[in-house]
């Protein structure tokens, strides 16, 4: 299953999603061989947006996390249904 990177939340934390879950990612300190940034999955969130916000709180200022997910619907299912073209 392929995931899609959607946003950088703060410094070394990013968000991605696939058809079943949001994925909180951490930027790797080492670059890939081609010089691109590598992102490693940190947590997988299959429930509500509030849980996603809570789990991001460990390494992200609350205001940055809230701004990143402010316009997200309550569940990953709703998010995926609103962005079907991204997963094709």
PDB file of N, CA and C in Angstrom:
ATOM      1  N   UNK A   1       0.847  -1.177   0.000  1.00  0.00           N
ATOM      2  CA  UNK A   1       0.000   0.000   0.000  1.00  0.00           C
ATOM      3  C   UNK A   1       0.892   1.238   0.000  1.00  0.00           C
ATOM      4  N   UNK A   2       0.549   2.188  -0.807  1.00  0.00           N
ATOM      5  CA  UNK A   2       1.322   3.412  -0.902  1.00  0.00           C
ATOM      6  C   UNK A   2       0.691   4.479  -0.039  1.00  0.00           C
ATOM      7  N   UNK A   3       1.544   5.291   0.566  1.00  0.00           N
ATOM      8  CA  UNK A   3       0.992   6.410   1.315  1.00  0.00           C
ATOM      9  C   UNK A   3       1.361   7.707   0.612  1.00  0.00           C
ATOM     10  N   UNK A   4       0.694   8.756   1.009  1.00  0.00           N
ATOM     11  CA  UNK A   4       0.874  10.057   0.388  1.00  0.00           C
ATOM     12  C   UNK A   4       1.235  11.069   1.460  1.00  0.00           C
ATOM     13  N   UNK A   5       2.369  11.733   1.275  1.00  0.00           N
ATOM     14  CA  UNK A   5       2.788  12.773   2.217  1.00  0.00           C
ATOM     15  C   UNK A   5       1.923  14.001   1.968  1.00  0.00           C
ATOM     16  N   UNK A   6       1.338  14.555   3.024  1.00  0.00           N
ATOM     17  CA  UNK A   6       0.445  15.684   2.815  1.00  0.00           C
ATOM     18  C   UNK A   6       0.922  17.000   3.417  1.00  0.00           C
ATOM     19  N   UNK A   7       1.696  16.943   4.494  1.00  0.00           N
ATOM     20  CA  UNK A   7       2.118  18.216   5.075  1.00  0.00           C
ATOM     21  C   UNK A   7       3.284  18.023   6.044  1.00  0.00           C
ATOM     22  N   UNK A   8       4.073  19.057   6.172  1.00  0.00           N
ATOM     23  CA  UNK A   8       5.085  19.116   7.225  1.00  0.00           C
ATOM     24  C   UNK A   8       4.441  19.910   8.353  1.00  0.00           C
ATOM     25  N   UNK A   9       4.383  19.299   9.516  1.00  0.00           N
ATOM     26  CA  UNK A   9       3.694  19.921  10.647  1.00  0.00           C
ATOM     27  C   UNK A   9       4.622  20.862  11.397  1.00  0.00           C
ATOM     28  N   UNK A  10       5.823  20.382  11.684  1.00  0.00           N
ATOM     29  CA  UNK A  10       6.770  21.189  12.442  1.00  0.00           C
ATOM     30  C   UNK A  10       8.150  20.577  12.316  1.00  0.00           C
ATOM     31  N   UNK A  11       9.112  21.351  11.929  1.00  0.00           N
ATOM     32  CA  UNK A  11      10.507  20.952  11.859  1.00  0.00           C
ATOM     33  C   UNK A  11      10.711  19.539  11.310  1.00  0.00           C
ATOM     34  N   UNK A  12      10.679  18.527  12.166  1.00  0.00           N
ATOM     35  CA  UNK A  12      10.972  17.158  11.738  1.00  0.00           C
ATOM     36  C   UNK A  12       9.760  16.242  11.768  1.00  0.00           C
ATOM     37  N   UNK A  13       8.569  16.791  11.856  1.00  0.00           N
ATOM     38  CA  UNK A  13       7.355  15.965  11.923  1.00  0.00           C
ATOM     39  C   UNK A  13       6.468  16.271  10.717  1.00  0.00           C
ATOM     40  N   UNK A  14       6.001  15.207  10.065  1.00  0.00           N
ATOM     41  CA  UNK A  14       5.121  15.359   8.914  1.00  0.00           C
ATOM     42  C   UNK A  14       3.929  14.427   9.018  1.00  0.00           C
ATOM     43  N   UNK A  15       2.968  14.644   8.162  1.00  0.00           N
ATOM     44  CA  UNK A  15       1.786  13.790   8.112  1.00  0.00           C
ATOM     45  C   UNK A  15       1.652  13.193   6.722  1.00  0.00           C
ATOM     46  N   UNK A  16       1.198  11.967   6.696  1.00  0.00           N
ATOM     47  CA  UNK A  16       0.867  11.282   5.451  1.00  0.00           C
ATOM     48  C   UNK A  16      -0.420  10.517   5.713  1.00  0.00           C
ATOM     49  N   UNK A  17      -0.963   9.904   4.671  1.00  0.00           N
ATOM     50  CA  UNK A  17      -2.117   9.050   4.865  1.00  0.00           C
ATOM     51  C   UNK A  17      -2.146   7.990   3.778  1.00  0.00           C
ATOM     52  N   UNK A  18      -2.851   6.927   4.055  1.00  0.00           N
ATOM     53  CA  UNK A  18      -3.179   5.950   3.032  1.00  0.00           C
ATOM     54  C   UNK A  18      -4.670   5.689   3.151  1.00  0.00           C
ATOM     55  N   UNK A  19      -5.167   4.651   2.537  1.00  0.00           N
ATOM     56  CA  UNK A  19      -6.620   4.457   2.518  1.00  0.00           C
ATOM     57  C   UNK A  19      -7.205   4.064   3.869  1.00  0.00           C
ATOM     58  N   UNK A  20      -6.360   3.747   4.851  1.00  0.00           N
ATOM     59  CA  UNK A  20      -6.871   3.293   6.149  1.00  0.00           C
ATOM     60  C   UNK A  20      -6.440   4.109   7.349  1.00  0.00           C
ATOM     61  N   UNK A  21      -5.453   4.992   7.188  1.00  0.00           N
ATOM     62  CA  UNK A  21      -4.906   5.631   8.387  1.00  0.00           C
ATOM     63  C   UNK A  21      -4.132   6.897   8.060  1.00  0.00           C
ATOM     64  N   UNK A  22      -4.060   7.769   9.073  1.00  0.00           N
ATOM     65  CA  UNK A  22      -3.115   8.871   9.027  1.00  0.00           C
ATOM     66  C   UNK A  22      -1.792   8.316   9.530  1.00  0.00           C
ATOM     67  N   UNK A  23      -0.694   8.856   9.046  1.00  0.00           N
ATOM     68  CA  UNK A  23       0.631   8.391   9.446  1.00  0.00           C
ATOM     69  C   UNK A  23       1.428   9.600   9.901  1.00  0.00           C
ATOM     70  N   UNK A  24       1.822   9.582  11.163  1.00  0.00           N
ATOM     71  CA  UNK A  24       2.697  10.626  11.686  1.00  0.00           C
ATOM     72  C   UNK A  24       4.114  10.175  11.355  1.00  0.00           C
ATOM     73  N   UNK A  25       4.863  11.052  10.702  1.00  0.00           N
ATOM     74  CA  UNK A  25       6.216  10.707  10.264  1.00  0.00           C
ATOM     75  C   UNK A  25       7.255  11.602  10.917  1.00  0.00           C
ATOM     76  N   UNK A  26       8.441  11.057  11.050  1.00  0.00           N
ATOM     77  CA  UNK A  26       9.576  11.830  11.542  1.00  0.00           C
ATOM     78  C   UNK A  26      10.603  11.908  10.423  1.00  0.00           C
ATOM     79  N   UNK A  27      11.139  13.097  10.201  1.00  0.00           N
ATOM     80  CA  UNK A  27      12.166  13.270   9.176  1.00  0.00           C
ATOM     81  C   UNK A  27      13.463  12.629   9.657  1.00  0.00           C
ATOM     82  N   UNK A  28      14.065  11.832   8.811  1.00  0.00           N
ATOM     83  CA  UNK A  28      15.327  11.171   9.127  1.00  0.00           C
ATOM     84  C   UNK A  28      16.448  12.203   9.096  1.00  0.00           C
ATOM     85  N   UNK A  29      17.408  12.062   9.991  1.00  0.00           N
ATOM     86  CA  UNK A  29      18.528  13.006  10.009  1.00  0.00           C
ATOM     87  C   UNK A  29      19.446  12.804   8.806  1.00  0.00           C
ATOM     88  N   UNK A  30      19.465  11.601   8.266  1.00  0.00           N
ATOM     89  CA  UNK A  30      20.287  11.319   7.088  1.00  0.00           C
ATOM     90  C   UNK A  30      19.444  11.495   5.825  1.00  0.00           C
ATOM     91  N   UNK A  31      20.030  12.069   4.821  1.00  0.00           N
ATOM     92  CA  UNK A  31      19.351  12.198   3.539  1.00  0.00           C
ATOM     93  C   UNK A  31      19.465  10.887   2.765  1.00  0.00           C
ATOM     94  N   UNK A  32      18.563  10.689   1.847  1.00  0.00           N
ATOM     95  CA  UNK A  32      18.640   9.528   0.958  1.00  0.00           C
ATOM     96  C   UNK A  32      19.859   9.695   0.054  1.00  0.00           C
ATOM     97  N   UNK A  33      20.269   8.628  -0.611  1.00  0.00           N
ATOM     98  CA  UNK A  33      21.447   8.676  -1.494  1.00  0.00           C
ATOM     99  C   UNK A  33      21.319   9.730  -2.579  1.00  0.00           C
ATOM    100  N   UNK A  34      20.094   9.975  -3.017  1.00  0.00           N
ATOM    101  CA  UNK A  34      19.901  10.986  -4.064  1.00  0.00           C
ATOM    102  C   UNK A  34      19.788  12.407  -3.495  1.00  0.00           C
ATOM    103  N   UNK A  35      19.954  12.550  -2.176  1.00  0.00           N
ATOM    104  CA  UNK A  35      19.915  13.858  -1.535  1.00  0.00           C
ATOM    105  C   UNK A  35      18.535  14.300  -1.078  1.00  0.00           C
ATOM    106  N   UNK A  36      17.528  13.483  -1.331  1.00  0.00           N
ATOM    107  CA  UNK A  36      16.172  13.849  -0.915  1.00  0.00           C
ATOM    108  C   UNK A  36      15.957  13.536   0.572  1.00  0.00           C
ATOM    109  N   UNK A  37      14.960  14.183   1.138  1.00  0.00           N
ATOM    110  CA  UNK A  37      14.619  13.973   2.547  1.00  0.00           C
ATOM    111  C   UNK A  37      13.907  12.641   2.704  1.00  0.00           C
ATOM    112  N   UNK A  38      14.296  11.893   3.721  1.00  0.00           N
ATOM    113  CA  UNK A  38      13.633  10.622   4.007  1.00  0.00           C
ATOM    114  C   UNK A  38      12.714  10.814   5.212  1.00  0.00           C
ATOM    115  N   UNK A  39      11.522  10.227   5.119  1.00  0.00           N
ATOM    116  CA  UNK A  39      10.540  10.286   6.199  1.00  0.00           C
ATOM    117  C   UNK A  39      10.293   8.874   6.692  1.00  0.00           C
ATOM    118  N   UNK A  40      10.347   8.696   8.003  1.00  0.00           N
ATOM    119  CA  UNK A  40      10.089   7.385   8.598  1.00  0.00           C
ATOM    120  C   UNK A  40       8.769   7.410   9.360  1.00  0.00           C
ATOM    121  N   UNK A  41       7.956   6.368   9.193  1.00  0.00           N
ATOM    122  CA  UNK A  41       6.697   6.317   9.943  1.00  0.00           C
ATOM    123  C   UNK A  41       6.970   6.233  11.442  1.00  0.00           C
ATOM    124  N   UNK A  42       6.201   6.970  12.197  1.00  0.00           N
ATOM    125  CA  UNK A  42       6.367   7.001  13.637  1.00  0.00           C
ATOM    126  C   UNK A  42       5.143   6.421  14.339  1.00  0.00           C
ATOM    127  N   UNK A  43       3.951   6.852  13.921  1.00  0.00           N
ATOM    128  CA  UNK A  43       2.698   6.364  14.505  1.00  0.00           C
ATOM    129  C   UNK A  43       1.636   6.269  13.415  1.00  0.00           C
ATOM    130  N   UNK A  44       0.740   5.314  13.599  1.00  0.00           N
ATOM    131  CA  UNK A  44      -0.370   5.099  12.673  1.00  0.00           C
ATOM    132  C   UNK A  44      -1.668   5.345  13.429  1.00  0.00           C
ATOM    133  N   UNK A  45      -2.497   6.223  12.894  1.00  0.00           N
ATOM    134  CA  UNK A  45      -3.715   6.634  13.588  1.00  0.00           C
ATOM    135  C   UNK A  45      -4.923   6.270  12.730  1.00  0.00           C
ATOM    136  N   UNK A  46      -5.717   5.331  13.223  1.00  0.00           N
ATOM    137  CA  UNK A  46      -6.885   4.883  12.464  1.00  0.00           C
ATOM    138  C   UNK A  46      -8.188   5.434  13.019  1.00  0.00           C
ATOM    139  N   UNK A  47      -8.099   6.176  14.079  1.00  0.00           N
ATOM    140  CA  UNK A  47      -9.314   6.687  14.709  1.00  0.00           C
ATOM    141  C   UNK A  47      -9.531   8.156  14.376  1.00  0.00           C
ATOM    142  N   UNK A  48     -10.062   8.870  15.296  1.00  0.00           N
ATOM    143  CA  UNK A  48     -10.492  10.250  15.065  1.00  0.00           C
ATOM    144  C   UNK A  48      -9.342  11.261  15.035  1.00  0.00           C
ATOM    145  N   UNK A  49      -9.662  12.386  14.434  1.00  0.00           N
ATOM    146  CA  UNK A  49      -8.705  13.491  14.315  1.00  0.00           C
ATOM    147  C   UNK A  49      -8.189  13.945  15.674  1.00  0.00           C
ATOM    148  N   UNK A  50      -9.033  13.913  16.702  1.00  0.00           N
ATOM    149  CA  UNK A  50      -8.596  14.330  18.039  1.00  0.00           C
ATOM    150  C   UNK A  50      -7.440  13.476  18.544  1.00  0.00           C
ATOM    151  N   UNK A  51      -7.472  12.180  18.251  1.00  0.00           N
ATOM    152  CA  UNK A  51      -6.368  11.297  18.641  1.00  0.00           C
ATOM    153  C   UNK A  51      -5.110  11.651  17.851  1.00  0.00           C
ATOM    154  N   UNK A  52      -5.258  11.937  16.580  1.00  0.00           N
ATOM    155  CA  UNK A  52      -4.126  12.358  15.756  1.00  0.00           C
ATOM    156  C   UNK A  52      -3.476  13.597  16.366  1.00  0.00           C
ATOM    157  N   UNK A  53      -4.274  14.556  16.734  1.00  0.00           N
ATOM    158  CA  UNK A  53      -3.784  15.787  17.353  1.00  0.00           C
ATOM    159  C   UNK A  53      -3.073  15.483  18.664  1.00  0.00           C
ATOM    160  N   UNK A  54      -3.658  14.643  19.479  1.00  0.00           N
ATOM    161  CA  UNK A  54      -3.063  14.269  20.768  1.00  0.00           C
ATOM    162  C   UNK A  54      -1.703  13.593  20.577  1.00  0.00           C
ATOM    163  N   UNK A  55      -1.613  12.653  19.653  1.00  0.00           N
ATOM    164  CA  UNK A  55      -0.366  11.915  19.448  1.00  0.00           C
ATOM    165  C   UNK A  55       0.726  12.781  18.840  1.00  0.00           C
ATOM    166  N   UNK A  56       0.363  13.754  18.042  1.00  0.00           N
ATOM    167  CA  UNK A  56       1.374  14.664  17.504  1.00  0.00           C
ATOM    168  C   UNK A  56       1.952  15.540  18.597  1.00  0.00           C
ATOM    169  N   UNK A  57       1.215  15.735  19.666  1.00  0.00           N
ATOM    170  CA  UNK A  57       1.632  16.624  20.737  1.00  0.00           C
ATOM    171  C   UNK A  57       2.946  16.278  21.397  1.00  0.00           C
ATOM    172  N   UNK A  58       3.403  15.042  21.224  1.00  0.00           N
ATOM    173  CA  UNK A  58       4.655  14.632  21.864  1.00  0.00           C
ATOM    174  C   UNK A  58       5.858  15.404  21.335  1.00  0.00           C
ATOM    175  N   UNK A  59       5.878  15.736  20.046  1.00  0.00           N
ATOM    176  CA  UNK A  59       7.047  16.408  19.498  1.00  0.00           C
ATOM    177  C   UNK A  59       6.737  17.683  18.744  1.00  0.00           C
ATOM    178  N   UNK A  60       5.522  18.173  18.871  1.00  0.00           N
ATOM    179  CA  UNK A  60       5.092  19.319  18.080  1.00  0.00           C
ATOM    180  C   UNK A  60       4.391  20.319  18.987  1.00  0.00           C
ATOM    181  N   UNK A  61       4.708  21.617  18.881  1.00  0.00           N
ATOM    182  CA  UNK A  61       3.944  22.601  19.650  1.00  0.00           C
ATOM    183  C   UNK A  61       2.456  22.496  19.322  1.00  0.00           C
ATOM    184  N   UNK A  62       1.636  22.612  20.324  1.00  0.00           N
ATOM    185  CA  UNK A  62       0.185  22.446  20.168  1.00  0.00           C
ATOM    186  C   UNK A  62      -0.377  23.330  19.050  1.00  0.00           C
ATOM    187  N   UNK A  63       0.066  24.570  18.965  1.00  0.00           N
ATOM    188  CA  UNK A  63      -0.473  25.469  17.940  1.00  0.00           C
ATOM    189  C   UNK A  63      -0.128  24.980  16.533  1.00  0.00           C
ATOM    190  N   UNK A  64       1.059  24.420  16.331  1.00  0.00           N
ATOM    191  CA  UNK A  64       1.431  23.890  15.010  1.00  0.00           C
ATOM    192  C   UNK A  64       0.596  22.680  14.655  1.00  0.00           C
ATOM    193  N   UNK A  65       0.384  21.791  15.615  1.00  0.00           N
ATOM    194  CA  UNK A  65      -0.422  20.593  15.379  1.00  0.00           C
ATOM    195  C   UNK A  65      -1.864  20.974  15.068  1.00  0.00           C
ATOM    196  N   UNK A  66      -2.429  21.884  15.851  1.00  0.00           N
ATOM    197  CA  UNK A  66      -3.812  22.303  15.626  1.00  0.00           C
ATOM    198  C   UNK A  66      -3.983  22.952  14.257  1.00  0.00           C
ATOM    199  N   UNK A  67      -3.024  23.770  13.868  1.00  0.00           N
ATOM    200  CA  UNK A  67      -3.104  24.421  12.560  1.00  0.00           C
ATOM    201  C   UNK A  67      -3.029  23.390  11.430  1.00  0.00           C
ATOM    202  N   UNK A  68      -2.196  22.371  11.595  1.00  0.00           N
ATOM    203  CA  UNK A  68      -2.017  21.356  10.552  1.00  0.00           C
ATOM    204  C   UNK A  68      -3.292  20.559  10.298  1.00  0.00           C
ATOM    205  N   UNK A  69      -4.054  20.271  11.344  1.00  0.00           N
ATOM    206  CA  UNK A  69      -5.235  19.405  11.177  1.00  0.00           C
ATOM    207  C   UNK A  69      -6.564  20.158  11.317  1.00  0.00           C
ATOM    208  N   UNK A  70      -6.502  21.458  11.380  1.00  0.00           N
ATOM    209  CA  UNK A  70      -7.703  22.277  11.589  1.00  0.00           C
ATOM    210  C   UNK A  70      -8.825  21.963  10.591  1.00  0.00           C
ATOM    211  N   UNK A  71      -8.489  21.794   9.335  1.00  0.00           N
ATOM    212  CA  UNK A  71      -9.511  21.583   8.313  1.00  0.00           C
ATOM    213  C   UNK A  71      -9.771  20.107   8.006  1.00  0.00           C
ATOM    214  N   UNK A  72      -9.161  19.212   8.741  1.00  0.00           N
ATOM    215  CA  UNK A  72      -9.384  17.779   8.518  1.00  0.00           C
ATOM    216  C   UNK A  72     -10.755  17.385   9.060  1.00  0.00           C
ATOM    217  N   UNK A  73     -11.420  16.451   8.395  1.00  0.00           N
ATOM    218  CA  UNK A  73     -12.663  15.915   8.956  1.00  0.00           C
ATOM    219  C   UNK A  73     -12.353  15.055  10.186  1.00  0.00           C
ATOM    220  N   UNK A  74     -13.382  14.589  10.866  1.00  0.00           N
ATOM    221  CA  UNK A  74     -13.196  13.841  12.111  1.00  0.00           C
ATOM    222  C   UNK A  74     -12.554  12.467  11.950  1.00  0.00           C
ATOM    223  N   UNK A  75     -12.718  11.825  10.803  1.00  0.00           N
ATOM    224  CA  UNK A  75     -12.187  10.466  10.646  1.00  0.00           C
ATOM    225  C   UNK A  75     -11.367  10.339   9.369  1.00  0.00           C
ATOM    226  N   UNK A  76     -10.500   9.332   9.322  1.00  0.00           N
ATOM    227  CA  UNK A  76      -9.701   9.074   8.129  1.00  0.00           C
ATOM    228  C   UNK A  76     -10.594   8.682   6.955  1.00  0.00           C
ATOM    229  N   UNK A  77     -11.686   7.983   7.231  1.00  0.00           N
ATOM    230  CA  UNK A  77     -12.592   7.585   6.154  1.00  0.00           C
ATOM    231  C   UNK A  77     -13.157   8.808   5.437  1.00  0.00           C
ATOM    232  N   UNK A  78     -13.539   9.819   6.210  1.00  0.00           N
ATOM    233  CA  UNK A  78     -14.050  11.052   5.621  1.00  0.00           C
ATOM    234  C   UNK A  78     -12.955  11.756   4.816  1.00  0.00           C
ATOM    235  N   UNK A  79     -11.741  11.772   5.356  1.00  0.00           N
ATOM    236  CA  UNK A  79     -10.625  12.418   4.673  1.00  0.00           C
ATOM    237  C   UNK A  79     -10.356  11.742   3.331  1.00  0.00           C
ATOM    238  N   UNK A  80     -10.298  10.406   3.334  1.00  0.00           N
ATOM    239  CA  UNK A  80     -10.036   9.655   2.100  1.00  0.00           C
ATOM    240  C   UNK A  80     -11.153   9.882   1.083  1.00  0.00           C
ATOM    241  N   UNK A  81     -12.399   9.918   1.533  1.00  0.00           N
ATOM    242  CA  UNK A  81     -13.506  10.123   0.598  1.00  0.00           C
ATOM    243  C   UNK A  81     -13.456  11.522  -0.032  1.00  0.00           C
ATOM    244  N   UNK A  82     -12.850  12.468   0.663  1.00  0.00           N
ATOM    245  CA  UNK A  82     -12.725  13.823   0.128  1.00  0.00           C
ATOM    246  C   UNK A  82     -11.516  13.985  -0.798  1.00  0.00           C
ATOM    247  N   UNK A  83     -10.586  13.004  -0.761  1.00  0.00           N
ATOM    248  CA  UNK A  83      -9.351  13.093  -1.560  1.00  0.00           C
ATOM    249  C   UNK A  83      -9.070  11.789  -2.316  1.00  0.00           C
ATOM    250  N   UNK A  84     -10.043  11.259  -3.045  1.00  0.00           N
ATOM    251  CA  UNK A  84      -9.837   9.956  -3.714  1.00  0.00           C
ATOM    252  C   UNK A  84      -8.774  10.010  -4.809  1.00  0.00           C
ATOM    253  N   UNK A  85      -8.609  11.156  -5.435  1.00  0.00           N
ATOM    254  CA  UNK A  85      -7.655  11.265  -6.527  1.00  0.00           C
ATOM    255  C   UNK A  85      -6.203  11.085  -6.061  1.00  0.00           C
ATOM    256  N   UNK A  86      -5.929  11.366  -4.813  1.00  0.00           N
ATOM    257  CA  UNK A  86      -4.574  11.277  -4.292  1.00  0.00           C
ATOM    258  C   UNK A  86      -4.122   9.835  -4.179  1.00  0.00           C
ATOM    259  N   UNK A  87      -5.044   8.928  -3.910  1.00  0.00           N
ATOM    260  CA  UNK A  87      -4.680   7.534  -3.711  1.00  0.00           C
ATOM    261  C   UNK A  87      -4.744   6.697  -4.989  1.00  0.00           C
ATOM    262  N   UNK A  88      -5.095   7.283  -6.106  1.00  0.00           N
ATOM    263  CA  UNK A  88      -5.189   6.511  -7.352  1.00  0.00           C
ATOM    264  C   UNK A  88      -3.828   6.166  -7.895  1.00  0.00           C
TER     265      UNK A  88
END
